Amino acid sequence: MALTDDELLDFDHDRLAHFVLEDAKRTLSEQGEVFRSQLVAARWIEGWAKTMAKDAEPGNLRSAEYEEGVQYPLAQVGAHLRQGDLVPGGVLYDDTAGRPA
């Protein structure tokens, strides 16, 4: 069962600094499956991060600093995926592709 575009775009847009719904819809029409795959990955990352946070119980070996150090980068990766930054033409894609190896 595939997720609809509306389901893929069903998240708190206000938590992303550079997200514009109209831009996301345009990217979906122009980049199709590439962007949909990235939106699925972002959705999975968000769920995984929530599961990890729930599993962080008092007395475990992971400190609060460790948890924050995991949650923040996961949220950033998800945000970049949802903003279309990694599709061809996206800011991170172009920056990475334009860099010499």
PDB file of N, CA and C in Angstrom:
ATOM      1  N   MET A   1       0.837  -1.174   0.000  1.00  0.00           N
ATOM      2  CA  MET A   1       0.000   0.000   0.000  1.00  0.00           C
ATOM      3  C   MET A   1       0.887   1.245   0.000  1.00  0.00           C
ATOM      4  N   ALA A   2       0.677   2.099  -0.951  1.00  0.00           N
ATOM      5  CA  ALA A   2       1.462   3.332  -1.066  1.00  0.00           C
ATOM      6  C   ALA A   2       0.799   4.461  -0.277  1.00  0.00           C
ATOM      7  N   LEU A   3       1.623   5.334   0.222  1.00  0.00           N
ATOM      8  CA  LEU A   3       1.119   6.533   0.886  1.00  0.00           C
ATOM      9  C   LEU A   3       0.737   7.556  -0.177  1.00  0.00           C
ATOM     10  N   THR A   4      -0.327   8.280   0.070  1.00  0.00           N
ATOM     11  CA  THR A   4      -0.717   9.350  -0.849  1.00  0.00           C
ATOM     12  C   THR A   4       0.195  10.556  -0.637  1.00  0.00           C
ATOM     13  N   ASP A   5       0.192  11.462  -1.596  1.00  0.00           N
ATOM     14  CA  ASP A   5       0.974  12.681  -1.434  1.00  0.00           C
ATOM     15  C   ASP A   5       0.504  13.477  -0.224  1.00  0.00           C
ATOM     16  N   ASP A   6      -0.810  13.499  -0.002  1.00  0.00           N
ATOM     17  CA  ASP A   6      -1.331  14.209   1.177  1.00  0.00           C
ATOM     18  C   ASP A   6      -0.802  13.580   2.465  1.00  0.00           C
ATOM     19  N   GLU A   7      -0.728  12.258   2.516  1.00  0.00           N
ATOM     20  CA  GLU A   7      -0.186  11.593   3.705  1.00  0.00           C
ATOM     21  C   GLU A   7       1.302  11.893   3.864  1.00  0.00           C
ATOM     22  N   LEU A   8       2.030  11.919   2.765  1.00  0.00           N
ATOM     23  CA  LEU A   8       3.463  12.211   2.835  1.00  0.00           C
ATOM     24  C   LEU A   8       3.730  13.639   3.299  1.00  0.00           C
ATOM     25  N   LEU A   9       2.801  14.537   3.012  1.00  0.00           N
ATOM     26  CA  LEU A   9       2.969  15.937   3.411  1.00  0.00           C
ATOM     27  C   LEU A   9       2.247  16.261   4.720  1.00  0.00           C
ATOM     28  N   ASP A  10       1.764  15.230   5.400  1.00  0.00           N
ATOM     29  CA  ASP A  10       1.046  15.407   6.661  1.00  0.00           C
ATOM     30  C   ASP A  10       2.029  15.357   7.831  1.00  0.00           C
ATOM     31  N   PHE A  11       2.616  16.493   8.125  1.00  0.00           N
ATOM     32  CA  PHE A  11       3.513  16.659   9.265  1.00  0.00           C
ATOM     33  C   PHE A  11       3.477  18.128   9.656  1.00  0.00           C
ATOM     34  N   ASP A  12       4.084  18.468  10.766  1.00  0.00           N
ATOM     35  CA  ASP A  12       4.069  19.845  11.260  1.00  0.00           C
ATOM     36  C   ASP A  12       5.022  20.698  10.429  1.00  0.00           C
ATOM     37  N   HIS A  13       4.472  21.417   9.464  1.00  0.00           N
ATOM     38  CA  HIS A  13       5.279  22.236   8.567  1.00  0.00           C
ATOM     39  C   HIS A  13       5.987  23.363   9.302  1.00  0.00           C
ATOM     40  N   ASP A  14       5.427  23.819  10.395  1.00  0.00           N
ATOM     41  CA  ASP A  14       6.004  24.939  11.137  1.00  0.00           C
ATOM     42  C   ASP A  14       7.336  24.593  11.801  1.00  0.00           C
ATOM     43  N   ARG A  15       7.624  23.298  11.942  1.00  0.00           N
ATOM     44  CA  ARG A  15       8.886  22.903  12.570  1.00  0.00           C
ATOM     45  C   ARG A  15      10.069  22.984  11.602  1.00  0.00           C
ATOM     46  N   LEU A  16       9.787  23.204  10.325  1.00  0.00           N
ATOM     47  CA  LEU A  16      10.839  23.283   9.316  1.00  0.00           C
ATOM     48  C   LEU A  16      11.055  24.738   8.923  1.00  0.00           C
ATOM     49  N   ALA A  17      12.273  25.173   9.005  1.00  0.00           N
ATOM     50  CA  ALA A  17      12.587  26.583   8.778  1.00  0.00           C
ATOM     51  C   ALA A  17      12.329  27.033   7.344  1.00  0.00           C
ATOM     52  N   HIS A  18      12.493  26.143   6.378  1.00  0.00           N
ATOM     53  CA  HIS A  18      12.420  26.553   4.971  1.00  0.00           C
ATOM     54  C   HIS A  18      11.378  25.773   4.184  1.00  0.00           C
ATOM     55  N   PHE A  19      10.337  25.307   4.843  1.00  0.00           N
ATOM     56  CA  PHE A  19       9.317  24.514   4.151  1.00  0.00           C
ATOM     57  C   PHE A  19       8.182  25.411   3.680  1.00  0.00           C
ATOM     58  N   VAL A  20       7.838  25.263   2.399  1.00  0.00           N
ATOM     59  CA  VAL A  20       6.690  25.955   1.820  1.00  0.00           C
ATOM     60  C   VAL A  20       5.867  24.883   1.107  1.00  0.00           C
ATOM     61  N   LEU A  21       4.632  24.704   1.543  1.00  0.00           N
ATOM     62  CA  LEU A  21       3.793  23.635   1.008  1.00  0.00           C
ATOM     63  C   LEU A  21       3.674  23.698  -0.511  1.00  0.00           C
ATOM     64  N   GLU A  22       3.495  24.874  -1.056  1.00  0.00           N
ATOM     65  CA  GLU A  22       3.359  25.009  -2.511  1.00  0.00           C
ATOM     66  C   GLU A  22       4.627  24.534  -3.222  1.00  0.00           C
ATOM     67  N   ASP A  23       5.792  24.852  -2.641  1.00  0.00           N
ATOM     68  CA  ASP A  23       7.060  24.388  -3.223  1.00  0.00           C
ATOM     69  C   ASP A  23       7.153  22.866  -3.170  1.00  0.00           C
ATOM     70  N   ALA A  24       6.712  22.282  -2.066  1.00  0.00           N
ATOM     71  CA  ALA A  24       6.745  20.826  -1.931  1.00  0.00           C
ATOM     72  C   ALA A  24       5.839  20.167  -2.966  1.00  0.00           C
ATOM     73  N   LYS A  25       4.675  20.738  -3.176  1.00  0.00           N
ATOM     74  CA  LYS A  25       3.760  20.183  -4.173  1.00  0.00           C
ATOM     75  C   LYS A  25       4.351  20.307  -5.581  1.00  0.00           C
ATOM     76  N   ARG A  26       5.004  21.414  -5.860  1.00  0.00           N
ATOM     77  CA  ARG A  26       5.650  21.588  -7.156  1.00  0.00           C
ATOM     78  C   ARG A  26       6.785  20.568  -7.326  1.00  0.00           C
ATOM     79  N   THR A  27       7.563  20.367  -6.279  1.00  0.00           N
ATOM     80  CA  THR A  27       8.645  19.388  -6.338  1.00  0.00           C
ATOM     81  C   THR A  27       8.078  17.994  -6.566  1.00  0.00           C
ATOM     82  N   LEU A  28       6.953  17.684  -5.942  1.00  0.00           N
ATOM     83  CA  LEU A  28       6.306  16.390  -6.183  1.00  0.00           C
ATOM     84  C   LEU A  28       5.921  16.236  -7.649  1.00  0.00           C
ATOM     85  N   SER A  29       5.410  17.283  -8.253  1.00  0.00           N
ATOM     86  CA  SER A  29       4.997  17.172  -9.655  1.00  0.00           C
ATOM     87  C   SER A  29       6.212  17.096 -10.582  1.00  0.00           C
ATOM     88  N   GLU A  30       7.311  17.758 -10.207  1.00  0.00           N
ATOM     89  CA  GLU A  30       8.499  17.783 -11.061  1.00  0.00           C
ATOM     90  C   GLU A  30       9.453  16.615 -10.806  1.00  0.00           C
ATOM     91  N   GLN A  31       9.577  16.197  -9.557  1.00  0.00           N
ATOM     92  CA  GLN A  31      10.564  15.173  -9.184  1.00  0.00           C
ATOM     93  C   GLN A  31       9.931  13.832  -8.818  1.00  0.00           C
ATOM     94  N   GLY A  32       8.614  13.786  -8.798  1.00  0.00           N
ATOM     95  CA  GLY A  32       7.860  12.562  -8.603  1.00  0.00           C
ATOM     96  C   GLY A  32       8.412  11.580  -7.591  1.00  0.00           C
ATOM     97  N   GLU A  33       8.802  10.430  -8.096  1.00  0.00           N
ATOM     98  CA  GLU A  33       9.193   9.315  -7.222  1.00  0.00           C
ATOM     99  C   GLU A  33      10.451   9.609  -6.408  1.00  0.00           C
ATOM    100  N   VAL A  34      11.349  10.423  -6.944  1.00  0.00           N
ATOM    101  CA  VAL A  34      12.558  10.764  -6.179  1.00  0.00           C
ATOM    102  C   VAL A  34      12.161  11.467  -4.887  1.00  0.00           C
ATOM    103  N   PHE A  35      11.302  12.480  -4.993  1.00  0.00           N
ATOM    104  CA  PHE A  35      10.899  13.233  -3.809  1.00  0.00           C
ATOM    105  C   PHE A  35       9.997  12.388  -2.917  1.00  0.00           C
ATOM    106  N   ARG A  36       9.114  11.600  -3.497  1.00  0.00           N
ATOM    107  CA  ARG A  36       8.263  10.722  -2.680  1.00  0.00           C
ATOM    108  C   ARG A  36       9.108   9.764  -1.853  1.00  0.00           C
ATOM    109  N   SER A  37      10.137   9.213  -2.447  1.00  0.00           N
ATOM    110  CA  SER A  37      11.020   8.305  -1.706  1.00  0.00           C
ATOM    111  C   SER A  37      11.678   9.030  -0.541  1.00  0.00           C
ATOM    112  N   GLN A  38      12.066  10.270  -0.770  1.00  0.00           N
ATOM    113  CA  GLN A  38      12.692  11.037   0.304  1.00  0.00           C
ATOM    114  C   GLN A  38      11.686  11.386   1.399  1.00  0.00           C
ATOM    115  N   LEU A  39      10.439  11.655   1.009  1.00  0.00           N
ATOM    116  CA  LEU A  39       9.404  11.926   2.015  1.00  0.00           C
ATOM    117  C   LEU A  39       9.101  10.676   2.838  1.00  0.00           C
ATOM    118  N   VAL A  40       9.123   9.511   2.204  1.00  0.00           N
ATOM    119  CA  VAL A  40       8.940   8.255   2.948  1.00  0.00           C
ATOM    120  C   VAL A  40      10.102   8.068   3.919  1.00  0.00           C
ATOM    121  N   ALA A  41      11.320   8.320   3.458  1.00  0.00           N
ATOM    122  CA  ALA A  41      12.491   8.186   4.336  1.00  0.00           C
ATOM    123  C   ALA A  41      12.376   9.142   5.524  1.00  0.00           C
ATOM    124  N   ALA A  42      11.958  10.370   5.284  1.00  0.00           N
ATOM    125  CA  ALA A  42      11.807  11.348   6.374  1.00  0.00           C
ATOM    126  C   ALA A  42      10.752  10.889   7.372  1.00  0.00           C
ATOM    127  N   ARG A  43       9.679  10.342   6.863  1.00  0.00           N
ATOM    128  CA  ARG A  43       8.606   9.838   7.744  1.00  0.00           C
ATOM    129  C   ARG A  43       9.122   8.691   8.608  1.00  0.00           C
ATOM    130  N   TRP A  44       9.905   7.795   7.994  1.00  0.00           N
ATOM    131  CA  TRP A  44      10.471   6.679   8.740  1.00  0.00           C
ATOM    132  C   TRP A  44      11.459   7.182   9.790  1.00  0.00           C
ATOM    133  N   ILE A  45      12.315   8.128   9.420  1.00  0.00           N
ATOM    134  CA  ILE A  45      13.297   8.678  10.366  1.00  0.00           C
ATOM    135  C   ILE A  45      12.586   9.303  11.559  1.00  0.00           C
ATOM    136  N   GLU A  46      11.515  10.047  11.309  1.00  0.00           N
ATOM    137  CA  GLU A  46      10.763  10.668  12.401  1.00  0.00           C
ATOM    138  C   GLU A  46      10.182   9.610  13.336  1.00  0.00           C
ATOM    139  N   GLY A  47       9.608   8.560  12.777  1.00  0.00           N
ATOM    140  CA  GLY A  47       9.065   7.479  13.602  1.00  0.00           C
ATOM    141  C   GLY A  47      10.137   6.760  14.393  1.00  0.00           C
ATOM    142  N   TRP A  48      11.271   6.522  13.754  1.00  0.00           N
ATOM    143  CA  TRP A  48      12.388   5.852  14.428  1.00  0.00           C
ATOM    144  C   TRP A  48      12.900   6.708  15.583  1.00  0.00           C
ATOM    145  N   ALA A  49      13.027   8.016  15.346  1.00  0.00           N
ATOM    146  CA  ALA A  49      13.494   8.918  16.402  1.00  0.00           C
ATOM    147  C   ALA A  49      12.524   8.923  17.582  1.00  0.00           C
ATOM    148  N   LYS A  50      11.214   8.924  17.287  1.00  0.00           N
ATOM    149  CA  LYS A  50      10.218   8.886  18.366  1.00  0.00           C
ATOM    150  C   LYS A  50      10.320   7.587  19.156  1.00  0.00           C
ATOM    151  N   THR A  51      10.517   6.481  18.466  1.00  0.00           N
ATOM    152  CA  THR A  51      10.655   5.193  19.138  1.00  0.00           C
ATOM    153  C   THR A  51      11.897   5.184  20.028  1.00  0.00           C
ATOM    154  N   MET A  52      12.993   5.715  19.502  1.00  0.00           N
ATOM    155  CA  MET A  52      14.227   5.775  20.301  1.00  0.00           C
ATOM    156  C   MET A  52      14.021   6.633  21.542  1.00  0.00           C
ATOM    157  N   ALA A  53      13.316   7.750  21.399  1.00  0.00           N
ATOM    158  CA  ALA A  53      13.079   8.638  22.536  1.00  0.00           C
ATOM    159  C   ALA A  53      12.208   7.954  23.584  1.00  0.00           C
ATOM    160  N   LYS A  54      11.201   7.185  23.139  1.00  0.00           N
ATOM    161  CA  LYS A  54      10.343   6.465  24.082  1.00  0.00           C
ATOM    162  C   LYS A  54      11.119   5.397  24.822  1.00  0.00           C
ATOM    163  N   ASP A  55      12.063   4.773  24.116  1.00  0.00           N
ATOM    164  CA  ASP A  55      12.847   3.696  24.714  1.00  0.00           C
ATOM    165  C   ASP A  55      13.889   4.208  25.702  1.00  0.00           C
ATOM    166  N   ALA A  56      14.130   5.512  25.711  1.00  0.00           N
ATOM    167  CA  ALA A  56      15.109   6.093  26.621  1.00  0.00           C
ATOM    168  C   ALA A  56      14.486   6.188  28.005  1.00  0.00           C
ATOM    169  N   GLU A  57      14.776   5.223  28.829  1.00  0.00           N
ATOM    170  CA  GLU A  57      14.206   5.168  30.179  1.00  0.00           C
ATOM    171  C   GLU A  57      15.242   5.585  31.205  1.00  0.00           C
ATOM    172  N   PRO A  58      14.780   6.097  32.326  1.00  0.00           N
ATOM    173  CA  PRO A  58      15.719   6.417  33.401  1.00  0.00           C
ATOM    174  C   PRO A  58      16.513   5.167  33.774  1.00  0.00           C
ATOM    175  N   GLY A  59      17.789   5.369  33.983  1.00  0.00           N
ATOM    176  CA  GLY A  59      18.639   4.245  34.373  1.00  0.00           C
ATOM    177  C   GLY A  59      19.299   3.546  33.196  1.00  0.00           C
ATOM    178  N   ASN A  60      18.938   3.914  31.964  1.00  0.00           N
ATOM    179  CA  ASN A  60      19.631   3.277  30.846  1.00  0.00           C
ATOM    180  C   ASN A  60      21.015   3.894  30.709  1.00  0.00           C
ATOM    181  N   LEU A  61      21.799   3.376  29.824  1.00  0.00           N
ATOM    182  CA  LEU A  61      23.176   3.826  29.688  1.00  0.00           C
ATOM    183  C   LEU A  61      23.322   5.083  28.832  1.00  0.00           C
ATOM    184  N   ARG A  62      22.233   5.549  28.261  1.00  0.00           N
ATOM    185  CA  ARG A  62      22.309   6.723  27.401  1.00  0.00           C
ATOM    186  C   ARG A  62      21.975   7.972  28.209  1.00  0.00           C
ATOM    187  N   SER A  63      22.869   8.929  28.161  1.00  0.00           N
ATOM    188  CA  SER A  63      22.657  10.184  28.886  1.00  0.00           C
ATOM    189  C   SER A  63      21.713  11.090  28.119  1.00  0.00           C
ATOM    190  N   ALA A  64      21.227  12.130  28.798  1.00  0.00           N
ATOM    191  CA  ALA A  64      20.365  13.117  28.144  1.00  0.00           C
ATOM    192  C   ALA A  64      21.125  13.800  27.008  1.00  0.00           C
ATOM    193  N   GLU A  65      22.406  14.043  27.206  1.00  0.00           N
ATOM    194  CA  GLU A  65      23.221  14.661  26.161  1.00  0.00           C
ATOM    195  C   GLU A  65      23.312  13.741  24.944  1.00  0.00           C
ATOM    196  N   TYR A  66      23.433  12.446  25.191  1.00  0.00           N
ATOM    197  CA  TYR A  66      23.476  11.482  24.092  1.00  0.00           C
ATOM    198  C   TYR A  66      22.156  11.516  23.330  1.00  0.00           C
ATOM    199  N   GLU A  67      21.050  11.477  24.047  1.00  0.00           N
ATOM    200  CA  GLU A  67      19.735  11.489  23.407  1.00  0.00           C
ATOM    201  C   GLU A  67      19.554  12.734  22.557  1.00  0.00           C
ATOM    202  N   GLU A  68      19.944  13.891  23.102  1.00  0.00           N
ATOM    203  CA  GLU A  68      19.835  15.126  22.338  1.00  0.00           C
ATOM    204  C   GLU A  68      20.749  15.081  21.120  1.00  0.00           C
ATOM    205  N   GLY A  69      21.916  14.502  21.293  1.00  0.00           N
ATOM    206  CA  GLY A  69      22.870  14.391  20.200  1.00  0.00           C
ATOM    207  C   GLY A  69      22.413  13.456  19.095  1.00  0.00           C
ATOM    208  N   VAL A  70      21.483  12.576  19.395  1.00  0.00           N
ATOM    209  CA  VAL A  70      20.908  11.693  18.382  1.00  0.00           C
ATOM    210  C   VAL A  70      19.672  12.342  17.767  1.00  0.00           C
ATOM    211  N   GLN A  71      18.811  12.886  18.577  1.00  0.00           N
ATOM    212  CA  GLN A  71      17.540  13.430  18.103  1.00  0.00           C
ATOM    213  C   GLN A  71      17.728  14.624  17.163  1.00  0.00           C
ATOM    214  N   TYR A  72      18.634  15.518  17.492  1.00  0.00           N
ATOM    215  CA  TYR A  72      18.816  16.719  16.682  1.00  0.00           C
ATOM    216  C   TYR A  72      19.242  16.397  15.249  1.00  0.00           C
ATOM    217  N   PRO A  73      20.291  15.602  15.044  1.00  0.00           N
ATOM    218  CA  PRO A  73      20.673  15.329  13.653  1.00  0.00           C
ATOM    219  C   PRO A  73      19.622  14.541  12.883  1.00  0.00           C
ATOM    220  N   LEU A  74      18.905  13.653  13.548  1.00  0.00           N
ATOM    221  CA  LEU A  74      17.834  12.934  12.851  1.00  0.00           C
ATOM    222  C   LEU A  74      16.753  13.905  12.389  1.00  0.00           C
ATOM    223  N   ALA A  75      16.407  14.856  13.239  1.00  0.00           N
ATOM    224  CA  ALA A  75      15.406  15.857  12.868  1.00  0.00           C
ATOM    225  C   ALA A  75      15.909  16.713  11.701  1.00  0.00           C
ATOM    226  N   GLN A  76      17.191  17.046  11.696  1.00  0.00           N
ATOM    227  CA  GLN A  76      17.751  17.853  10.617  1.00  0.00           C
ATOM    228  C   GLN A  76      17.742  17.100   9.290  1.00  0.00           C
ATOM    229  N   VAL A  77      18.110  15.829   9.309  1.00  0.00           N
ATOM    230  CA  VAL A  77      18.087  15.029   8.085  1.00  0.00           C
ATOM    231  C   VAL A  77      16.655  14.948   7.551  1.00  0.00           C
ATOM    232  N   GLY A  78      15.710  14.665   8.434  1.00  0.00           N
ATOM    233  CA  GLY A  78      14.311  14.599   8.026  1.00  0.00           C
ATOM    234  C   GLY A  78      13.829  15.917   7.436  1.00  0.00           C
ATOM    235  N   ALA A  79      14.220  17.021   8.038  1.00  0.00           N
ATOM    236  CA  ALA A  79      13.815  18.337   7.541  1.00  0.00           C
ATOM    237  C   ALA A  79      14.365  18.580   6.137  1.00  0.00           C
ATOM    238  N   HIS A  80      15.622  18.268   5.924  1.00  0.00           N
ATOM    239  CA  HIS A  80      16.211  18.476   4.596  1.00  0.00           C
ATOM    240  C   HIS A  80      15.537  17.594   3.544  1.00  0.00           C
ATOM    241  N   LEU A  81      15.203  16.377   3.909  1.00  0.00           N
ATOM    242  CA  LEU A  81      14.495  15.499   2.979  1.00  0.00           C
ATOM    243  C   LEU A  81      13.129  16.085   2.640  1.00  0.00           C
ATOM    244  N   ARG A  82      12.411  16.555   3.642  1.00  0.00           N
ATOM    245  CA  ARG A  82      11.065  17.085   3.432  1.00  0.00           C
ATOM    246  C   ARG A  82      11.062  18.420   2.697  1.00  0.00           C
ATOM    247  N   GLN A  83      12.122  19.166   2.794  1.00  0.00           N
ATOM    248  CA  GLN A  83      12.208  20.454   2.107  1.00  0.00           C
ATOM    249  C   GLN A  83      12.667  20.290   0.659  1.00  0.00           C
ATOM    250  N   GLY A  84      12.989  19.071   0.252  1.00  0.00           N
ATOM    251  CA  GLY A  84      13.433  18.842  -1.120  1.00  0.00           C
ATOM    252  C   GLY A  84      14.861  19.280  -1.368  1.00  0.00           C
ATOM    253  N   ASP A  85      15.620  19.430  -0.303  1.00  0.00           N
ATOM    254  CA  ASP A  85      16.994  19.904  -0.436  1.00  0.00           C
ATOM    255  C   ASP A  85      17.915  18.899  -1.125  1.00  0.00           C
ATOM    256  N   LEU A  86      17.504  17.622  -1.162  1.00  0.00           N
ATOM    257  CA  LEU A  86      18.367  16.581  -1.711  1.00  0.00           C
ATOM    258  C   LEU A  86      17.876  16.000  -3.035  1.00  0.00           C
ATOM    259  N   VAL A  87      16.858  16.600  -3.629  1.00  0.00           N
ATOM    260  CA  VAL A  87      16.438  16.191  -4.976  1.00  0.00           C
ATOM    261  C   VAL A  87      17.269  17.000  -5.977  1.00  0.00           C
ATOM    262  N   PRO A  88      17.436  16.515  -7.208  1.00  0.00           N
ATOM    263  CA  PRO A  88      18.151  17.317  -8.203  1.00  0.00           C
ATOM    264  C   PRO A  88      17.539  18.712  -8.298  1.00  0.00           C
ATOM    265  N   GLY A  89      18.391  19.710  -8.183  1.00  0.00           N
ATOM    266  CA  GLY A  89      17.934  21.097  -8.160  1.00  0.00           C
ATOM    267  C   GLY A  89      17.785  21.644  -6.755  1.00  0.00           C
ATOM    268  N   GLY A  90      17.765  20.761  -5.760  1.00  0.00           N
ATOM    269  CA  GLY A  90      17.697  21.193  -4.367  1.00  0.00           C
ATOM    270  C   GLY A  90      19.036  21.746  -3.915  1.00  0.00           C
ATOM    271  N   VAL A  91      19.015  22.597  -2.919  1.00  0.00           N
ATOM    272  CA  VAL A  91      20.213  23.312  -2.491  1.00  0.00           C
ATOM    273  C   VAL A  91      21.342  22.359  -2.062  1.00  0.00           C
ATOM    274  N   LEU A  92      21.047  21.330  -1.300  1.00  0.00           N
ATOM    275  CA  LEU A  92      22.101  20.412  -0.858  1.00  0.00           C
ATOM    276  C   LEU A  92      22.561  19.490  -1.975  1.00  0.00           C
ATOM    277  N   TYR A  93      21.624  19.096  -2.831  1.00  0.00           N
ATOM    278  CA  TYR A  93      21.993  18.276  -3.986  1.00  0.00           C
ATOM    279  C   TYR A  93      22.970  19.048  -4.866  1.00  0.00           C
ATOM    280  N   ASP A  94      22.603  20.274  -5.214  1.00  0.00           N
ATOM    281  CA  ASP A  94      23.449  21.073  -6.093  1.00  0.00           C
ATOM    282  C   ASP A  94      24.789  21.386  -5.455  1.00  0.00           C
ATOM    283  N   ASP A  95      24.775  21.695  -4.154  1.00  0.00           N
ATOM    284  CA  ASP A  95      26.021  21.976  -3.453  1.00  0.00           C
ATOM    285  C   ASP A  95      26.934  20.756  -3.464  1.00  0.00           C
ATOM    286  N   THR A  96      26.366  19.597  -3.204  1.00  0.00           N
ATOM    287  CA  THR A  96      27.164  18.375  -3.163  1.00  0.00           C
ATOM    288  C   THR A  96      27.628  17.971  -4.556  1.00  0.00           C
ATOM    289  N   ALA A  97      26.731  18.020  -5.529  1.00  0.00           N
ATOM    290  CA  ALA A  97      27.073  17.623  -6.894  1.00  0.00           C
ATOM    291  C   ALA A  97      28.070  18.578  -7.538  1.00  0.00           C
ATOM    292  N   GLY A  98      28.074  19.834  -7.123  1.00  0.00           N
ATOM    293  CA  GLY A  98      28.978  20.817  -7.710  1.00  0.00           C
ATOM    294  C   GLY A  98      30.348  20.849  -7.086  1.00  0.00           C
ATOM    295  N   ARG A  99      30.530  20.136  -5.993  1.00  0.00           N
ATOM    296  CA  ARG A  99      31.819  20.107  -5.316  1.00  0.00           C
ATOM    297  C   ARG A  99      32.772  19.146  -6.014  1.00  0.00           C
ATOM    298  N   PRO A 100      34.012  19.542  -6.177  1.00  0.00           N
ATOM    299  CA  PRO A 100      34.968  18.564  -6.706  1.00  0.00           C
ATOM    300  C   PRO A 100      35.253  17.480  -5.676  1.00  0.00           C
ATOM    301  N   ALA A 101      35.484  16.283  -6.150  1.00  0.00           N
ATOM    302  CA  ALA A 101      35.730  15.135  -5.235  1.00  0.00           C
ATOM    303  C   ALA A 101      37.062  15.249  -4.539  1.00  0.00           C
TER     304      ALA A 101
END
